[in-house]
Protein backbone atom coordinates (compact mmCIF):
# COMPACT_ATOMS: atom_id res chain seq x y z
CA MET A 1 -0.12 0.31 -0.12
CA ILE A 2 1.02 3.19 -0.60
CA ASN A 3 2.06 5.99 2.27
CA GLN A 4 -0.06 8.95 1.06
CA SER A 5 1.21 11.40 3.41
CA HIS A 6 3.58 13.35 1.42
CA PHE A 7 2.15 13.25 -2.31
CA LEU A 8 -1.20 15.68 -2.29
CA VAL A 9 -3.11 15.61 -5.54
CA SER A 10 -4.37 18.03 -7.08
CA THR A 11 -7.24 17.04 -8.76
CA ILE A 12 -9.00 20.28 -11.17
CA ILE A 13 -12.98 20.52 -12.52
CA PRO A 14 -13.70 22.68 -14.66
CA THR A 15 -17.07 23.56 -15.14
CA TYR A 16 -19.51 25.46 -17.23
CA ASN A 17 -23.47 25.08 -16.32
CA ARG A 18 -22.56 21.25 -16.26
CA ALA A 19 -24.95 20.63 -13.32
CA HIS A 20 -26.92 17.83 -14.53
CA VAL A 21 -23.37 15.75 -15.37
CA LEU A 22 -20.81 17.70 -12.99
CA GLY A 23 -21.71 14.89 -9.96
CA CYS A 24 -20.88 11.71 -11.60
CA ALA A 25 -17.38 13.19 -11.99
CA VAL A 26 -16.98 14.28 -8.49
CA GLN A 27 -18.72 10.68 -7.27
CA SER A 28 -15.44 9.01 -9.05
CA VAL A 29 -13.23 11.43 -7.56
CA LEU A 30 -14.65 11.03 -3.82
CA ASN A 31 -14.33 7.33 -4.97
CA GLN A 32 -10.79 7.07 -5.37
CA THR A 33 -9.09 4.42 -3.54
CA TYR A 34 -6.14 6.98 -2.94
CA ARG A 35 -7.52 9.39 -0.38
CA ASN A 36 -4.71 12.43 -0.64
CA PHE A 37 -5.88 14.53 -2.21
CA GLU A 38 -7.53 17.98 -2.96
CA LEU A 39 -10.58 17.84 -5.50
CA LEU A 40 -11.29 21.82 -6.91
CA ILE A 41 -13.77 22.77 -8.86
CA ILE A 42 -13.44 25.45 -11.10
CA ASP A 43 -17.50 27.33 -12.12
CA ASP A 44 -16.38 28.87 -14.93
CA GLY A 45 -19.53 31.62 -14.66
CA SER A 46 -22.47 28.71 -14.50
CA VAL A 47 -25.60 30.61 -14.68
CA ASP A 48 -27.68 27.00 -13.43
CA ASN A 49 -27.23 25.19 -9.90
CA THR A 50 -23.64 23.87 -10.44
CA GLU A 51 -23.65 25.64 -6.71
CA GLU A 52 -25.77 23.02 -5.30
CA ILE A 53 -24.96 20.34 -6.07
CA VAL A 54 -21.15 20.86 -5.14
CA ASN A 55 -22.70 21.59 -0.96
CA ALA A 56 -24.27 18.59 -1.27
CA PHE A 57 -21.21 16.17 -1.62
CA ASP A 58 -20.06 16.99 2.43
CA ASP A 59 -16.44 16.44 1.97
CA SER A 60 -13.01 19.18 3.06
CA ARG A 61 -11.41 18.15 -0.08
CA ILE A 62 -13.61 19.95 -2.26
CA TYR A 63 -12.93 23.72 -3.13
CA LEU A 64 -15.54 25.57 -5.24
CA TYR A 65 -13.86 28.75 -6.92
CA LYS A 66 -15.95 30.40 -9.13
CA HIS A 67 -15.46 32.91 -11.93
CA ASP A 68 -17.98 36.04 -12.36
CA LYS A 69 -18.35 35.84 -15.73
CA ASN A 70 -16.93 32.76 -18.29
CA LEU A 71 -14.53 32.83 -19.34
CA GLY A 72 -13.24 29.71 -21.40
CA GLN A 73 -12.00 26.18 -20.76
CA THR A 74 -8.17 26.58 -20.54
CA ALA A 75 -8.51 29.77 -18.49
CA ALA A 76 -10.80 27.70 -15.93
CA LEU A 77 -7.81 25.07 -15.59
CA ASN A 78 -4.62 27.75 -15.11
CA THR A 79 -6.93 29.28 -12.37
CA GLY A 80 -6.68 25.42 -11.09
CA LEU A 81 -3.44 25.15 -11.53
CA LEU A 82 -2.76 28.78 -10.36
CA ILE A 83 -4.46 28.05 -6.97
CA ALA A 84 -3.04 23.88 -6.37
CA LYS A 85 -1.06 23.03 -3.42
CA GLY A 86 -0.71 19.15 -4.54
CA LYS A 87 3.01 17.84 -5.60
CA TYR A 88 0.85 15.86 -9.03
CA ILE A 89 -2.41 17.32 -10.74
CA ALA A 90 -4.44 15.43 -12.81
CA PHE A 91 -7.27 17.72 -15.20
CA LEU A 92 -10.84 15.92 -15.24
CA ASP A 93 -13.47 17.31 -17.13
CA SER A 94 -17.15 17.67 -15.76
CA ASP A 95 -18.95 15.60 -18.35
CA ASP A 96 -16.12 12.49 -17.02
CA GLU A 97 -15.05 9.57 -14.53
CA TRP A 98 -11.86 7.91 -13.25
CA LEU A 99 -12.47 4.40 -12.35
CA PRO A 100 -11.61 3.79 -8.62
CA GLN A 101 -7.92 3.01 -8.95
CA MET A 102 -6.91 5.82 -11.68
CA LEU A 103 -4.77 7.83 -8.69
CA GLU A 104 -3.33 5.18 -7.08
CA LYS A 105 -1.46 3.13 -9.81
CA GLN A 106 -0.27 6.74 -11.35
CA VAL A 107 1.34 6.78 -7.72
CA ARG A 108 2.69 3.45 -8.03
CA VAL A 109 4.55 4.66 -10.84
CA PHE A 110 6.07 7.64 -9.77
CA ARG A 111 7.25 5.98 -6.60
CA GLU A 112 8.54 3.88 -8.72
CA ASP A 113 10.16 6.41 -11.61
CA ASP A 114 11.07 9.74 -10.20
CA SER A 115 12.96 10.89 -13.08
CA LEU A 116 9.09 10.83 -14.88
CA GLY A 117 7.32 13.82 -15.25
CA VAL A 118 3.96 12.49 -17.15
CA VAL A 119 2.22 9.55 -16.09
CA TYR A 120 -0.60 8.58 -18.34
CA THR A 121 -3.28 5.98 -19.02
CA TRP A 122 -5.96 4.68 -21.12
CA ALA A 123 -8.52 6.29 -21.81
CA GLY A 124 -12.43 3.90 -22.40
CA THR A 125 -15.99 4.71 -23.47
CA TYR A 126 -18.89 2.63 -23.85
CA ARG A 127 -20.04 1.19 -27.23
CA ALA A 128 -22.89 -0.31 -27.36
CA GLY A 129 -24.23 -3.40 -25.20
CA GLY A 130 -22.13 -1.47 -22.21
CA VAL A 131 -19.22 -3.20 -23.04
CA LEU A 132 -16.34 -0.27 -22.35
CA LYS A 133 -13.71 0.25 -25.32
CA PRO A 134 -10.70 1.93 -25.12
CA VAL A 135 -10.70 5.47 -27.32
CA VAL A 136 -6.79 4.43 -28.58
CA LYS A 137 -4.51 1.93 -27.23
CA PHE A 138 -1.42 4.08 -26.33
CA SER A 139 1.25 2.96 -26.70
CA SER A 140 4.22 6.27 -26.11
CA ARG A 141 6.63 6.31 -22.81
CA GLY A 142 9.64 7.49 -21.97
CA TYR A 143 10.94 10.15 -24.50
CA ILE A 144 7.80 10.71 -26.63
CA ASN A 145 8.49 14.35 -28.51
CA LYS A 146 9.13 13.10 -31.84
CA GLN A 147 6.33 10.48 -31.57
CA ALA A 148 4.30 13.86 -30.25
CA LEU A 149 4.39 16.08 -32.59
CA ILE A 150 3.92 13.17 -36.09
CA GLN A 151 0.33 12.64 -34.14
CA GLY A 152 0.05 15.64 -33.00
CA TYR A 153 -1.27 14.88 -29.83
CA VAL A 154 -0.18 12.60 -26.80
CA SER A 155 -3.52 11.83 -24.58
CA HIS A 156 -6.65 13.09 -23.12
CA MET A 157 -6.18 15.38 -20.66
CA ILE A 158 -8.25 13.73 -18.57
CA THR A 159 -5.46 10.49 -18.06
CA MET A 160 -2.43 12.41 -17.16
CA MET A 161 -1.18 12.84 -14.37
CA VAL A 162 1.38 15.61 -14.40
CA LYS A 163 4.10 16.93 -11.29
CA LYS A 164 3.50 20.47 -10.78
CA THR A 165 7.15 21.63 -11.21
CA CYS A 166 6.20 20.49 -14.74
CA TYR A 167 3.97 23.19 -15.41
CA ASP A 168 5.96 25.81 -13.22
CA SER A 169 8.45 24.99 -15.82
CA VAL A 170 7.08 24.85 -18.90
CA GLY A 171 4.02 27.47 -18.31
CA LEU A 172 0.45 27.56 -18.35
CA LEU A 173 -1.83 26.27 -20.88
CA ASP A 174 -2.22 28.94 -23.35
CA ILE A 175 -5.22 31.26 -23.63
CA ASN A 176 -5.11 31.22 -27.42
CA PHE A 177 -6.94 28.46 -27.49
CA ASP A 178 -10.79 27.66 -27.96
CA ASN A 179 -10.24 23.86 -28.84
CA CYS A 180 -6.47 21.67 -28.83
CA ASN A 181 -5.48 22.96 -25.34
CA ASP A 182 -4.86 19.68 -24.49
CA ASP A 183 -2.74 19.09 -27.96
CA ASP A 184 -0.80 21.96 -26.78
CA ILE A 185 0.07 21.54 -23.12
CA CYS A 186 1.04 17.98 -24.26
CA LEU A 187 3.50 19.01 -27.23
CA ARG A 188 5.05 21.65 -24.55
CA LEU A 189 5.36 18.87 -21.88
CA ALA A 190 6.73 15.72 -24.34
CA ARG A 191 9.05 18.48 -25.17
CA GLU A 192 10.85 18.30 -22.11
CA TYR A 193 9.61 15.88 -19.70
CA ARG A 194 9.65 11.68 -19.77
CA PHE A 195 5.80 10.13 -19.99
CA GLY A 196 5.28 7.12 -18.49
CA LEU A 197 1.95 4.96 -19.46
CA ILE A 198 0.15 1.92 -17.63
CA PRO A 199 -1.99 0.91 -20.63
CA GLU A 200 -5.29 -0.15 -18.89
CA ILE A 201 -8.60 1.53 -19.37
CA LEU A 202 -8.66 4.08 -16.01
CA ALA A 203 -10.74 6.91 -17.04
CA ILE A 204 -13.92 7.13 -18.89
CA VAL A 205 -15.25 9.92 -21.75
CA HIS A 206 -18.20 10.32 -22.15
CA ASP A 207 -19.74 12.04 -25.22
CA ASP A 208 -23.03 13.07 -24.01
CA GLY A 209 -22.75 16.12 -21.59
CA GLY A 210 -23.57 18.46 -23.62
CA SER A 211 -22.22 21.63 -25.07
CA GLN A 212 -18.23 19.71 -26.34
CA ILE A 213 -16.02 21.96 -27.57
CA THR A 214 -15.08 18.83 -29.89
CA LYS A 215 -18.48 19.15 -31.76
CA ASP A 216 -17.68 22.74 -33.04
CA SER A 217 -16.12 21.18 -36.41
CA LYS A 218 -15.15 25.09 -37.48
CA SER A 219 -13.96 25.87 -33.57
CA TYR A 220 -11.88 22.48 -34.01
CA ALA A 221 -10.21 22.54 -37.75
CA ASP A 222 -9.10 26.55 -36.24
CA GLY A 223 -7.25 24.64 -33.07
CA TRP A 224 -5.73 21.94 -35.04
CA TRP A 225 -4.66 25.06 -37.49
CA ARG A 226 -3.71 27.31 -34.74
CA LEU A 227 -1.72 23.94 -32.81
CA PHE A 228 0.19 23.55 -36.07
CA THR A 229 1.07 27.13 -37.14
CA LYS A 230 2.85 26.80 -33.20
CA HIS A 231 4.66 24.50 -33.48
CA GLU A 232 5.14 24.68 -37.40
CA LYS A 233 9.48 25.33 -36.71
CA GLU A 234 9.66 22.22 -34.00
CA ILE A 235 7.88 19.94 -36.79
CA ARG A 236 10.31 20.24 -38.99
CA ARG A 237 12.86 19.99 -37.14
CA VAL A 238 12.57 17.10 -35.98
CA CYS A 239 10.24 15.21 -37.89
CA GLY A 240 10.59 16.87 -41.58
CA ASP A 241 8.15 18.85 -44.44
CA ARG A 242 6.89 16.09 -44.84
CA ILE A 243 5.17 15.03 -41.50
CA LEU A 244 4.07 19.23 -41.15
CA ALA A 245 2.35 19.37 -44.66
CA LYS A 246 0.17 16.09 -43.54
CA HIS A 247 -0.45 17.88 -40.17
CA TYR A 248 -2.15 20.84 -42.87
CA ALA A 249 -4.08 18.86 -45.49
CA ARG A 250 -5.29 17.31 -42.12
CA CYS A 251 -6.57 20.78 -41.18
CA ALA A 252 -7.65 20.96 -45.17
CA TRP A 253 -9.99 18.30 -44.68
CA LEU A 254 -11.19 19.54 -41.21
CA TYR A 255 -12.12 22.64 -43.29
CA ILE A 256 -14.08 21.16 -45.50
CA LYS A 257 -16.15 19.02 -43.26
CA ALA A 258 -16.84 22.52 -41.34
CA SER A 259 -18.21 23.22 -44.70
CA ASP A 260 -15.37 26.36 -44.90
CA MET A 261 -13.80 26.39 -48.31
CA LYS A 262 -11.62 29.37 -48.03
CA ASP A 263 -10.04 28.23 -44.99
CA ALA A 264 -9.56 24.23 -46.48
CA GLU A 265 -7.68 26.10 -50.07
CA ILE A 266 -5.48 28.30 -47.00
CA ALA A 267 -4.45 25.45 -45.43
CA LEU A 268 -4.18 23.25 -48.86
CA LYS A 269 -1.95 25.41 -50.33
CA LYS A 270 0.25 25.28 -47.39
CA ALA A 271 0.58 22.03 -47.67
CA ALA A 272 1.70 21.92 -51.26
CA ARG A 273 3.95 25.00 -51.08
CA ILE A 274 5.96 22.32 -48.25
CA ASP A 275 5.56 19.63 -50.09
CA ASP A 276 4.84 19.39 -53.09
CA SER A 277 5.67 15.67 -53.55
CA LEU A 278 2.46 14.90 -51.27
CA ARG A 279 0.54 12.20 -52.56
CA LEU A 280 -3.53 12.54 -49.77
CA TRP A 281 -3.99 8.76 -50.47
CA ASP A 282 -1.26 8.70 -48.16
CA LEU A 283 -3.04 10.30 -45.44
CA LYS A 284 -5.06 7.22 -45.15
CA ILE A 285 -8.33 9.58 -44.74
CA ALA A 286 -10.23 8.09 -47.86
CA THR A 287 -12.24 5.57 -45.92
CA ARG A 288 -13.57 7.92 -42.83
CA ILE A 289 -15.11 10.94 -45.02
CA ALA A 290 -17.76 10.62 -46.99
CA PRO A 291 -16.35 9.98 -50.92
CA SER A 292 -18.04 13.62 -52.58
CA ILE A 293 -16.14 15.33 -49.39
CA MET A 294 -12.31 13.23 -50.58
CA ASP A 295 -13.14 13.97 -54.68
CA LEU A 296 -14.03 17.51 -53.44
CA PHE A 297 -10.23 17.18 -51.12
CA LEU A 298 -8.20 15.66 -53.91
CA ARG A 299 -9.70 18.25 -56.94
CA MET A 300 -8.40 21.05 -54.51
CA TYR A 301 -4.68 19.65 -53.67
CA GLU A 302 -4.40 18.32 -57.50
CA LYS A 303 -5.11 22.69 -58.59
CA VAL A 304 -3.09 23.69 -55.42
CA ARG A 305 -0.23 21.23 -56.91
CA ARG A 306 -0.53 22.51 -60.50
CA ALA A 307 -0.24 25.94 -59.91
CA LYS A 308 3.00 25.38 -58.04
CA ARG A 309 4.88 23.62 -61.21
CA PRO A 310 4.66 26.41 -64.05
CA VAL A 311 6.10 28.28 -60.69
CA GLN A 312 9.24 25.92 -60.08
CA LYS A 313 9.62 26.13 -63.29
CA TRP A 314 10.71 29.34 -63.98
CA ARG A 315 12.89 29.49 -60.76
CA LEU A 316 14.81 26.78 -62.21
CA SER A 317 15.40 28.21 -65.85
CA LYS A 318 15.99 31.71 -64.15
CA PHE A 319 18.23 30.16 -61.09
CA GLY A 320 18.85 27.02 -62.52
């Protein structure tokens, strides 16, 4: 059994008008077999009965902090980071939950290898028949900077426990992100610290909480665009032009799904400028989107590639 007296974990739940699901998330923290935690609930300007739901829990480890107005999820997470007292930080979305041994198993891994900066797990979701299946069977561990940059992500933030000193070093979450703020902080952490992995479902993602940011397809596409432009130099340095071009082509695909053809074309042109040898079939996305959208995607990309060829020929004739 872990000696829990010296390893306080700050668990942080940001919430905004989620009173109807918040209780489940809170209870999943209180059900943890690891007992030495503080639970910081950051109410980001809710106008529902969030405070009433929180006050119904009689536990001295729960602290409710309220923003006077809605500032966004990133601001709420940063508020939690700034007031956290624990050695370790763990975020939980207000519509998701943890399984009871989540914190205990993560702290145990840190105790076994103190050189780690992050310990993460698999997340699961309930499929037909109530069967819990992993969303992604992540496998990256150790220094994972290159793999993280190739993927553009590491894991769900709700699966990660991070030493607070790591956030002290890399800084708070980027307030400029409405979406992909978790991917941005993961890439920043992966650049500096070793990751440990528990290949086991210990967090549960629900998609019925309402108002999920990722359901706004335009915002989601904008988030990916902002992520790759911010980390463009590092991706190019570590992974090369081809990976960077694929990321921008993915942005174009997301913009097409959001019916934003203007930004899709901008993203495709950027992908073509970076690596005009890129073939869209290499992206392996054909089976994931409707054939009509895929056809449009291919036509747009070939258009920008053809437009680039005369410029290349002129440069060769002019400069050799």
